[in-house]
């Protein structure tokens, strides 16, 4: 707060597209990420509003070494894909993933309506994000996270 008044985010613009390197970049091109936590300078907690258009998935199935994630469905009926299967979610439902929980996850919008959900996650230095179905991991470096193959070699 400044001068006793709360800071309020207005006129925010979502990021559209995918952070993944080729050949994975095309998998989340209609996903919109609105990084709400960044607007307030949050450094220990990420808060993102995700919009999935019909027929779109959130990204690749993944899990984190150090980060914890919490997902809360605001609108729509996404399908949550886990190691042992899938389940349909709806508004008001939520799920959490503890650090080092190898139950990799992603959301797919198989409905005809837009899906909106919140992702809240801890921001822990040194976190590695693993993608068990794909030749990809996000690995921390001093200059930022980089995409690497499973053998550790970086994507160009």
N, C-alpha and C. Protein backbone atom coordinates (compact mmCIF):
# COMPACT_ATOMS: atom_id res chain seq x y z
N UNK A 1 0.83 -1.18 0.00
CA UNK A 1 0.00 0.00 0.00
C UNK A 1 0.88 1.25 0.00
N UNK A 2 0.37 2.25 -0.64
CA UNK A 2 1.02 3.55 -0.64
C UNK A 2 0.03 4.56 -0.10
N UNK A 3 0.45 5.38 0.86
CA UNK A 3 -0.41 6.42 1.43
C UNK A 3 -1.74 5.87 1.92
N UNK A 4 -1.73 4.64 2.44
CA UNK A 4 -2.95 4.06 2.98
C UNK A 4 -3.95 3.57 1.95
N UNK A 5 -3.64 3.66 0.67
CA UNK A 5 -4.56 3.21 -0.38
C UNK A 5 -4.04 1.90 -0.97
N UNK A 6 -4.93 0.93 -1.17
CA UNK A 6 -4.48 -0.32 -1.78
C UNK A 6 -4.15 -0.12 -3.25
N UNK A 7 -3.19 -0.88 -3.72
CA UNK A 7 -2.89 -0.89 -5.16
C UNK A 7 -3.91 -1.77 -5.85
N UNK A 8 -4.39 -1.34 -6.98
CA UNK A 8 -5.39 -2.10 -7.73
C UNK A 8 -4.90 -2.25 -9.16
N UNK A 9 -4.95 -3.46 -9.66
CA UNK A 9 -4.54 -3.72 -11.05
C UNK A 9 -5.68 -3.35 -11.98
N UNK A 10 -5.36 -2.57 -13.01
CA UNK A 10 -6.36 -2.19 -14.01
C UNK A 10 -5.76 -2.33 -15.40
N UNK A 11 -6.63 -2.47 -16.38
CA UNK A 11 -6.22 -2.48 -17.79
C UNK A 11 -5.03 -3.41 -18.03
N UNK A 12 -5.14 -4.61 -17.53
CA UNK A 12 -4.06 -5.57 -17.68
C UNK A 12 -4.18 -6.30 -19.01
N UNK A 13 -3.06 -6.63 -19.58
CA UNK A 13 -3.02 -7.33 -20.87
C UNK A 13 -2.41 -8.71 -20.68
N UNK A 14 -3.13 -9.75 -21.10
CA UNK A 14 -2.60 -11.10 -20.94
C UNK A 14 -1.49 -11.40 -21.94
N UNK A 15 -0.65 -12.34 -21.57
CA UNK A 15 0.34 -12.89 -22.50
C UNK A 15 -0.37 -13.99 -23.27
N UNK A 16 -0.22 -13.99 -24.57
CA UNK A 16 -0.85 -14.99 -25.42
C UNK A 16 0.24 -15.87 -26.01
N UNK A 17 0.00 -17.17 -26.02
CA UNK A 17 0.95 -18.06 -26.67
C UNK A 17 1.62 -19.01 -25.71
N UNK A 18 2.78 -19.46 -26.10
CA UNK A 18 3.46 -20.52 -25.40
C UNK A 18 4.90 -20.15 -25.07
N UNK A 19 5.36 -20.49 -23.88
CA UNK A 19 6.77 -20.25 -23.52
C UNK A 19 7.70 -21.36 -24.00
N UNK A 20 7.13 -22.42 -24.58
CA UNK A 20 7.92 -23.59 -24.93
C UNK A 20 8.75 -23.38 -26.19
N UNK A 21 9.89 -24.06 -26.27
CA UNK A 21 10.67 -24.04 -27.52
C UNK A 21 10.00 -24.94 -28.55
N UNK A 22 10.39 -24.78 -29.82
CA UNK A 22 9.94 -25.71 -30.85
C UNK A 22 10.52 -27.08 -30.53
N UNK A 23 9.81 -28.13 -30.70
CA UNK A 23 8.56 -28.31 -31.43
C UNK A 23 7.32 -28.23 -30.55
N UNK A 24 7.45 -27.77 -29.31
CA UNK A 24 6.33 -27.78 -28.37
C UNK A 24 5.53 -26.48 -28.37
N UNK A 25 6.04 -25.42 -28.95
CA UNK A 25 5.43 -24.09 -28.87
C UNK A 25 4.01 -24.05 -29.40
N UNK A 26 3.67 -24.86 -30.36
CA UNK A 26 2.34 -24.81 -30.98
C UNK A 26 1.25 -25.41 -30.10
N UNK A 27 1.60 -26.02 -28.99
CA UNK A 27 0.60 -26.73 -28.18
C UNK A 27 -0.26 -25.82 -27.31
N UNK A 28 0.16 -24.60 -27.03
CA UNK A 28 -0.62 -23.73 -26.14
C UNK A 28 -0.79 -22.33 -26.73
N UNK A 29 -0.96 -22.23 -28.03
CA UNK A 29 -0.98 -20.92 -28.69
C UNK A 29 -2.22 -20.09 -28.38
N UNK A 30 -3.32 -20.69 -27.98
CA UNK A 30 -4.53 -19.92 -27.67
C UNK A 30 -4.72 -19.73 -26.17
N UNK A 31 -3.73 -20.10 -25.39
CA UNK A 31 -3.80 -19.92 -23.96
C UNK A 31 -3.41 -18.49 -23.62
N UNK A 32 -4.18 -17.84 -22.73
CA UNK A 32 -3.87 -16.49 -22.29
C UNK A 32 -3.52 -16.53 -20.81
N UNK A 33 -2.36 -15.97 -20.47
CA UNK A 33 -1.88 -15.89 -19.09
C UNK A 33 -1.92 -14.44 -18.64
N UNK A 34 -2.65 -14.18 -17.60
CA UNK A 34 -2.65 -12.84 -17.01
C UNK A 34 -1.90 -12.96 -15.68
N UNK A 35 -0.68 -12.44 -15.64
CA UNK A 35 0.20 -12.59 -14.47
C UNK A 35 -0.16 -11.54 -13.42
N UNK A 36 -1.16 -11.87 -12.62
CA UNK A 36 -1.69 -10.93 -11.63
C UNK A 36 -0.67 -10.62 -10.54
N UNK A 37 0.05 -11.61 -10.06
CA UNK A 37 1.02 -11.38 -8.98
C UNK A 37 2.13 -10.44 -9.37
N UNK A 38 2.57 -10.51 -10.64
CA UNK A 38 3.66 -9.64 -11.10
C UNK A 38 3.28 -8.16 -11.03
N UNK A 39 2.00 -7.88 -11.21
CA UNK A 39 1.55 -6.48 -11.19
C UNK A 39 1.73 -5.83 -9.83
N UNK A 40 1.88 -6.65 -8.80
CA UNK A 40 2.05 -6.13 -7.45
C UNK A 40 3.47 -6.36 -6.93
N UNK A 41 4.35 -6.83 -7.81
CA UNK A 41 5.73 -7.06 -7.41
C UNK A 41 5.92 -8.27 -6.52
N UNK A 42 4.97 -9.20 -6.54
CA UNK A 42 5.12 -10.40 -5.71
C UNK A 42 6.29 -11.23 -6.20
N UNK A 43 7.16 -11.62 -5.30
CA UNK A 43 8.34 -12.40 -5.68
C UNK A 43 8.32 -13.81 -5.12
N UNK A 44 7.48 -14.09 -4.13
CA UNK A 44 7.44 -15.41 -3.52
C UNK A 44 6.21 -16.21 -3.93
N UNK A 45 5.26 -15.52 -4.58
CA UNK A 45 4.00 -16.15 -4.94
C UNK A 45 3.60 -15.74 -6.34
N UNK A 46 3.34 -16.71 -7.20
CA UNK A 46 2.83 -16.43 -8.53
C UNK A 46 1.32 -16.60 -8.54
N UNK A 47 0.60 -15.65 -9.10
CA UNK A 47 -0.85 -15.72 -9.21
C UNK A 47 -1.18 -15.41 -10.67
N UNK A 48 -1.73 -16.39 -11.36
CA UNK A 48 -2.02 -16.25 -12.78
C UNK A 48 -3.47 -16.62 -13.08
N UNK A 49 -4.11 -15.78 -13.89
CA UNK A 49 -5.45 -16.09 -14.41
C UNK A 49 -5.25 -16.68 -15.79
N UNK A 50 -5.71 -17.90 -15.98
CA UNK A 50 -5.52 -18.62 -17.24
C UNK A 50 -6.85 -18.69 -17.98
N UNK A 51 -6.80 -18.43 -19.28
CA UNK A 51 -7.97 -18.57 -20.14
C UNK A 51 -7.64 -19.62 -21.20
N UNK A 52 -8.48 -20.64 -21.28
CA UNK A 52 -8.32 -21.68 -22.31
C UNK A 52 -9.50 -21.60 -23.26
N UNK A 53 -9.22 -21.36 -24.52
CA UNK A 53 -10.25 -21.39 -25.55
C UNK A 53 -10.68 -22.84 -25.77
N UNK A 54 -11.86 -23.06 -26.35
CA UNK A 54 -12.28 -24.43 -26.65
C UNK A 54 -11.25 -25.17 -27.51
N UNK A 55 -10.99 -26.43 -27.16
CA UNK A 55 -10.07 -27.26 -27.91
C UNK A 55 -8.60 -27.04 -27.61
N UNK A 56 -8.28 -26.25 -26.58
CA UNK A 56 -6.89 -25.89 -26.28
C UNK A 56 -6.45 -26.51 -24.96
N UNK A 57 -5.16 -26.84 -24.88
CA UNK A 57 -4.61 -27.34 -23.62
C UNK A 57 -3.69 -26.28 -23.02
N UNK A 58 -3.50 -26.37 -21.70
CA UNK A 58 -2.74 -25.36 -20.97
C UNK A 58 -1.24 -25.41 -21.28
N UNK A 59 -0.78 -26.51 -21.73
CA UNK A 59 0.65 -26.68 -21.99
C UNK A 59 0.96 -28.16 -22.06
N UNK A 60 2.09 -28.53 -21.51
CA UNK A 60 2.50 -29.93 -21.46
C UNK A 60 2.34 -30.46 -20.04
N UNK A 61 2.09 -31.75 -19.93
CA UNK A 61 1.98 -32.37 -18.61
C UNK A 61 3.31 -32.23 -17.89
N UNK A 62 3.27 -31.72 -16.63
CA UNK A 62 4.51 -31.39 -15.91
C UNK A 62 4.35 -31.55 -14.40
N UNK A 63 5.51 -31.54 -13.72
CA UNK A 63 5.55 -31.47 -12.26
C UNK A 63 6.79 -30.66 -11.86
N UNK A 64 6.81 -30.16 -10.61
CA UNK A 64 7.88 -29.28 -10.15
C UNK A 64 8.69 -29.92 -9.01
N UNK A 65 9.98 -29.64 -9.01
CA UNK A 65 10.85 -30.15 -7.95
C UNK A 65 10.66 -29.39 -6.64
N UNK A 66 10.44 -28.08 -6.69
CA UNK A 66 10.35 -27.26 -5.48
C UNK A 66 9.07 -26.44 -5.36
N UNK A 67 8.45 -26.14 -6.47
CA UNK A 67 7.27 -25.28 -6.48
C UNK A 67 6.02 -26.07 -6.12
N UNK A 68 5.12 -25.42 -5.38
CA UNK A 68 3.79 -25.96 -5.14
C UNK A 68 2.80 -25.17 -5.99
N UNK A 69 1.76 -25.87 -6.46
CA UNK A 69 0.76 -25.23 -7.31
C UNK A 69 -0.64 -25.52 -6.76
N UNK A 70 -1.51 -24.51 -6.91
CA UNK A 70 -2.91 -24.62 -6.54
C UNK A 70 -3.73 -24.09 -7.70
N UNK A 71 -4.70 -24.86 -8.17
CA UNK A 71 -5.56 -24.45 -9.29
C UNK A 71 -7.00 -24.35 -8.80
N UNK A 72 -7.68 -23.25 -9.18
CA UNK A 72 -9.07 -23.03 -8.80
C UNK A 72 -9.87 -22.67 -10.05
N UNK A 73 -10.90 -23.45 -10.34
CA UNK A 73 -11.71 -23.24 -11.55
C UNK A 73 -12.74 -22.15 -11.29
N UNK A 74 -12.67 -21.10 -12.10
CA UNK A 74 -13.62 -19.99 -11.99
C UNK A 74 -14.82 -20.17 -12.90
N UNK A 75 -14.58 -20.67 -14.12
CA UNK A 75 -15.64 -20.78 -15.11
C UNK A 75 -15.28 -21.86 -16.13
N UNK A 76 -16.26 -22.62 -16.54
CA UNK A 76 -16.05 -23.63 -17.56
C UNK A 76 -15.83 -25.01 -16.98
N UNK A 77 -15.55 -25.96 -17.88
CA UNK A 77 -15.37 -27.36 -17.50
C UNK A 77 -14.13 -27.95 -18.17
N UNK A 78 -12.96 -27.66 -17.62
CA UNK A 78 -11.74 -28.24 -18.19
C UNK A 78 -11.57 -29.69 -17.76
N UNK A 79 -10.74 -30.40 -18.50
CA UNK A 79 -10.37 -31.77 -18.14
C UNK A 79 -8.95 -31.73 -17.60
N UNK A 80 -8.77 -32.26 -16.40
CA UNK A 80 -7.46 -32.35 -15.76
C UNK A 80 -6.85 -33.70 -16.12
N UNK A 81 -5.66 -33.69 -16.70
CA UNK A 81 -4.97 -34.92 -17.10
C UNK A 81 -3.84 -35.17 -16.11
N UNK A 82 -3.85 -36.35 -15.49
CA UNK A 82 -2.87 -36.75 -14.48
C UNK A 82 -2.17 -38.04 -14.91
N UNK A 83 -1.23 -38.50 -14.12
CA UNK A 83 -0.52 -39.74 -14.44
C UNK A 83 -1.46 -40.92 -14.65
N UNK A 84 -2.48 -41.02 -13.80
CA UNK A 84 -3.34 -42.20 -13.84
C UNK A 84 -4.69 -41.97 -14.47
N UNK A 85 -4.83 -40.89 -15.25
CA UNK A 85 -6.09 -40.69 -15.94
C UNK A 85 -6.52 -39.25 -15.99
N UNK A 86 -7.81 -39.07 -16.26
CA UNK A 86 -8.37 -37.75 -16.45
C UNK A 86 -9.60 -37.57 -15.58
N UNK A 87 -9.89 -36.31 -15.25
CA UNK A 87 -11.15 -36.01 -14.56
C UNK A 87 -11.63 -34.64 -15.01
N UNK A 88 -12.95 -34.53 -15.14
CA UNK A 88 -13.56 -33.28 -15.55
C UNK A 88 -13.77 -32.42 -14.31
N UNK A 89 -13.40 -31.14 -14.43
CA UNK A 89 -13.57 -30.19 -13.34
C UNK A 89 -14.64 -29.18 -13.73
N UNK A 90 -15.16 -28.44 -12.74
CA UNK A 90 -16.14 -27.39 -13.01
C UNK A 90 -15.93 -26.25 -12.02
N UNK A 91 -16.62 -25.16 -12.25
CA UNK A 91 -16.47 -23.96 -11.43
C UNK A 91 -16.61 -24.29 -9.95
N UNK A 92 -15.70 -23.73 -9.15
CA UNK A 92 -15.70 -23.96 -7.71
C UNK A 92 -14.82 -25.11 -7.27
N UNK A 93 -14.36 -25.94 -8.20
CA UNK A 93 -13.48 -27.05 -7.83
C UNK A 93 -12.04 -26.57 -7.82
N UNK A 94 -11.21 -27.26 -7.04
CA UNK A 94 -9.79 -26.90 -6.96
C UNK A 94 -8.96 -28.15 -6.73
N UNK A 95 -7.66 -27.99 -6.97
CA UNK A 95 -6.71 -29.08 -6.75
C UNK A 95 -5.35 -28.46 -6.46
N UNK A 96 -4.56 -29.15 -5.66
CA UNK A 96 -3.22 -28.67 -5.34
C UNK A 96 -2.18 -29.74 -5.60
N UNK A 97 -0.97 -29.28 -5.90
CA UNK A 97 0.15 -30.18 -6.17
C UNK A 97 1.32 -29.75 -5.30
N UNK A 98 1.76 -30.64 -4.43
CA UNK A 98 2.91 -30.35 -3.58
C UNK A 98 4.20 -30.45 -4.37
N UNK A 99 5.22 -29.77 -3.90
CA UNK A 99 6.55 -29.87 -4.51
C UNK A 99 6.98 -31.34 -4.49
N UNK A 100 7.63 -31.76 -5.53
CA UNK A 100 8.16 -33.11 -5.73
C UNK A 100 7.08 -34.16 -5.95
N UNK A 101 5.80 -33.75 -6.05
CA UNK A 101 4.73 -34.68 -6.38
C UNK A 101 4.85 -34.98 -7.87
N UNK A 102 5.21 -36.18 -8.21
CA UNK A 102 5.46 -36.55 -9.60
C UNK A 102 4.20 -36.87 -10.38
N UNK A 103 3.05 -36.52 -9.83
CA UNK A 103 1.78 -36.69 -10.54
C UNK A 103 1.65 -35.53 -11.52
N UNK A 104 2.27 -35.68 -12.67
CA UNK A 104 2.30 -34.62 -13.69
C UNK A 104 0.89 -34.28 -14.14
N UNK A 105 0.68 -33.01 -14.47
CA UNK A 105 -0.67 -32.53 -14.76
C UNK A 105 -0.70 -31.49 -15.87
N UNK A 106 -1.87 -31.38 -16.49
CA UNK A 106 -2.18 -30.32 -17.45
C UNK A 106 -3.69 -30.22 -17.56
N UNK A 107 -4.17 -29.10 -18.11
CA UNK A 107 -5.59 -28.89 -18.33
C UNK A 107 -5.86 -28.85 -19.83
N UNK A 108 -6.99 -29.45 -20.24
CA UNK A 108 -7.44 -29.40 -21.63
C UNK A 108 -8.89 -28.92 -21.61
N UNK A 109 -9.19 -28.01 -22.51
CA UNK A 109 -10.58 -27.56 -22.65
C UNK A 109 -11.22 -28.32 -23.80
N UNK A 110 -11.95 -29.37 -23.48
CA UNK A 110 -12.64 -30.17 -24.48
C UNK A 110 -14.08 -29.72 -24.68
N UNK A 111 -14.45 -28.64 -24.02
CA UNK A 111 -15.82 -28.13 -24.12
C UNK A 111 -15.94 -27.10 -25.25
N UNK A 112 -17.15 -26.58 -25.43
CA UNK A 112 -17.40 -25.56 -26.44
C UNK A 112 -17.36 -24.16 -25.85
N UNK A 113 -17.06 -24.03 -24.56
CA UNK A 113 -17.04 -22.73 -23.88
C UNK A 113 -15.64 -22.42 -23.37
N UNK A 114 -15.36 -21.15 -23.19
CA UNK A 114 -14.07 -20.72 -22.64
C UNK A 114 -13.96 -21.15 -21.18
N UNK A 115 -12.75 -21.52 -20.77
CA UNK A 115 -12.45 -21.89 -19.39
C UNK A 115 -11.56 -20.81 -18.77
N UNK A 116 -11.87 -20.42 -17.53
CA UNK A 116 -11.04 -19.49 -16.78
C UNK A 116 -10.68 -20.16 -15.45
N UNK A 117 -9.39 -20.13 -15.08
CA UNK A 117 -9.00 -20.66 -13.77
C UNK A 117 -7.78 -19.91 -13.25
N UNK A 118 -7.63 -19.96 -11.94
CA UNK A 118 -6.47 -19.36 -11.28
C UNK A 118 -5.43 -20.43 -11.01
N UNK A 119 -4.17 -20.07 -11.21
CA UNK A 119 -3.06 -20.90 -10.79
C UNK A 119 -2.25 -20.07 -9.81
N UNK A 120 -2.08 -20.59 -8.62
CA UNK A 120 -1.29 -19.92 -7.59
C UNK A 120 -0.15 -20.86 -7.26
N UNK A 121 1.07 -20.35 -7.33
CA UNK A 121 2.22 -21.20 -7.09
C UNK A 121 3.32 -20.48 -6.34
N UNK A 122 4.06 -21.26 -5.58
CA UNK A 122 5.21 -20.69 -4.87
C UNK A 122 6.32 -20.44 -5.89
N UNK A 123 7.11 -19.43 -5.62
CA UNK A 123 8.26 -19.12 -6.49
C UNK A 123 9.51 -19.43 -5.68
N UNK A 124 10.03 -20.62 -5.93
CA UNK A 124 11.17 -21.09 -5.16
C UNK A 124 12.41 -21.12 -6.06
N UNK A 125 13.46 -20.39 -5.69
CA UNK A 125 14.68 -20.43 -6.51
C UNK A 125 15.19 -21.87 -6.64
N UNK A 126 15.64 -22.21 -7.84
CA UNK A 126 16.20 -23.54 -8.08
C UNK A 126 15.20 -24.58 -8.52
N UNK A 127 13.93 -24.20 -8.67
CA UNK A 127 12.91 -25.15 -9.09
C UNK A 127 13.21 -25.66 -10.50
N UNK A 128 13.05 -26.97 -10.68
CA UNK A 128 13.15 -27.59 -12.00
C UNK A 128 11.76 -28.11 -12.35
N UNK A 129 11.33 -27.84 -13.57
CA UNK A 129 10.03 -28.31 -14.04
C UNK A 129 10.28 -29.45 -15.03
N UNK A 130 9.67 -30.60 -14.75
CA UNK A 130 9.87 -31.81 -15.55
C UNK A 130 8.62 -32.12 -16.37
N UNK A 131 8.83 -32.59 -17.59
CA UNK A 131 7.77 -32.96 -18.52
C UNK A 131 7.97 -34.43 -18.88
N UNK A 132 7.35 -35.37 -18.15
CA UNK A 132 7.65 -36.79 -18.35
C UNK A 132 7.28 -37.35 -19.71
N UNK A 133 6.32 -36.72 -20.41
CA UNK A 133 5.90 -37.23 -21.72
C UNK A 133 6.73 -36.68 -22.87
N UNK A 134 7.58 -35.70 -22.59
CA UNK A 134 8.29 -34.98 -23.65
C UNK A 134 9.77 -34.82 -23.31
N UNK A 135 10.57 -34.58 -24.32
CA UNK A 135 12.01 -34.37 -24.15
C UNK A 135 12.24 -32.91 -23.76
N UNK A 136 11.84 -32.57 -22.52
CA UNK A 136 11.90 -31.18 -22.09
C UNK A 136 11.93 -31.08 -20.58
N UNK A 137 12.71 -30.13 -20.08
CA UNK A 137 12.69 -29.69 -18.69
C UNK A 137 13.03 -28.21 -18.70
N UNK A 138 12.55 -27.48 -17.68
CA UNK A 138 12.99 -26.09 -17.47
C UNK A 138 13.96 -26.14 -16.33
N UNK A 139 15.17 -25.63 -16.56
CA UNK A 139 16.26 -25.73 -15.59
C UNK A 139 16.72 -24.33 -15.21
N UNK A 140 16.90 -24.08 -13.90
CA UNK A 140 17.33 -22.74 -13.48
C UNK A 140 18.82 -22.49 -13.74
N UNK A 141 19.14 -21.27 -14.16
CA UNK A 141 20.53 -20.82 -14.29
C UNK A 141 20.62 -19.43 -13.65
N UNK A 142 21.81 -18.92 -13.53
CA UNK A 142 21.99 -17.58 -12.95
C UNK A 142 21.33 -16.50 -13.79
N UNK A 143 21.21 -16.71 -15.09
CA UNK A 143 20.62 -15.71 -15.97
C UNK A 143 19.14 -15.97 -16.28
N UNK A 144 18.52 -16.93 -15.59
CA UNK A 144 17.12 -17.25 -15.81
C UNK A 144 16.93 -18.71 -16.18
N UNK A 145 15.68 -19.14 -16.21
CA UNK A 145 15.37 -20.53 -16.54
C UNK A 145 15.56 -20.77 -18.03
N UNK A 146 16.07 -21.95 -18.36
CA UNK A 146 16.25 -22.32 -19.77
C UNK A 146 15.60 -23.68 -20.03
N UNK A 147 15.16 -23.85 -21.27
CA UNK A 147 14.59 -25.13 -21.70
C UNK A 147 15.73 -26.04 -22.10
N UNK A 148 15.70 -27.28 -21.56
CA UNK A 148 16.74 -28.26 -21.87
C UNK A 148 16.09 -29.59 -22.26
N UNK A 149 16.86 -30.36 -23.04
CA UNK A 149 16.47 -31.74 -23.36
C UNK A 149 16.67 -32.59 -22.11
N UNK A 150 16.13 -33.80 -22.11
CA UNK A 150 16.30 -34.69 -20.96
C UNK A 150 17.76 -35.04 -20.70
N UNK A 151 18.60 -34.95 -21.74
CA UNK A 151 20.03 -35.22 -21.53
C UNK A 151 20.78 -34.00 -20.98
N UNK A 152 20.05 -32.88 -20.77
CA UNK A 152 20.65 -31.68 -20.20
C UNK A 152 21.13 -30.66 -21.21
N UNK A 153 21.14 -31.00 -22.50
CA UNK A 153 21.58 -30.04 -23.51
C UNK A 153 20.48 -29.01 -23.76
N UNK A 154 20.84 -27.73 -23.91
CA UNK A 154 19.83 -26.68 -24.08
C UNK A 154 19.20 -26.69 -25.46
N UNK A 155 17.93 -26.23 -25.51
CA UNK A 155 17.29 -25.97 -26.78
C UNK A 155 17.87 -24.68 -27.32
N UNK A 156 17.94 -24.55 -28.65
CA UNK A 156 18.50 -23.33 -29.23
C UNK A 156 17.44 -22.26 -29.30
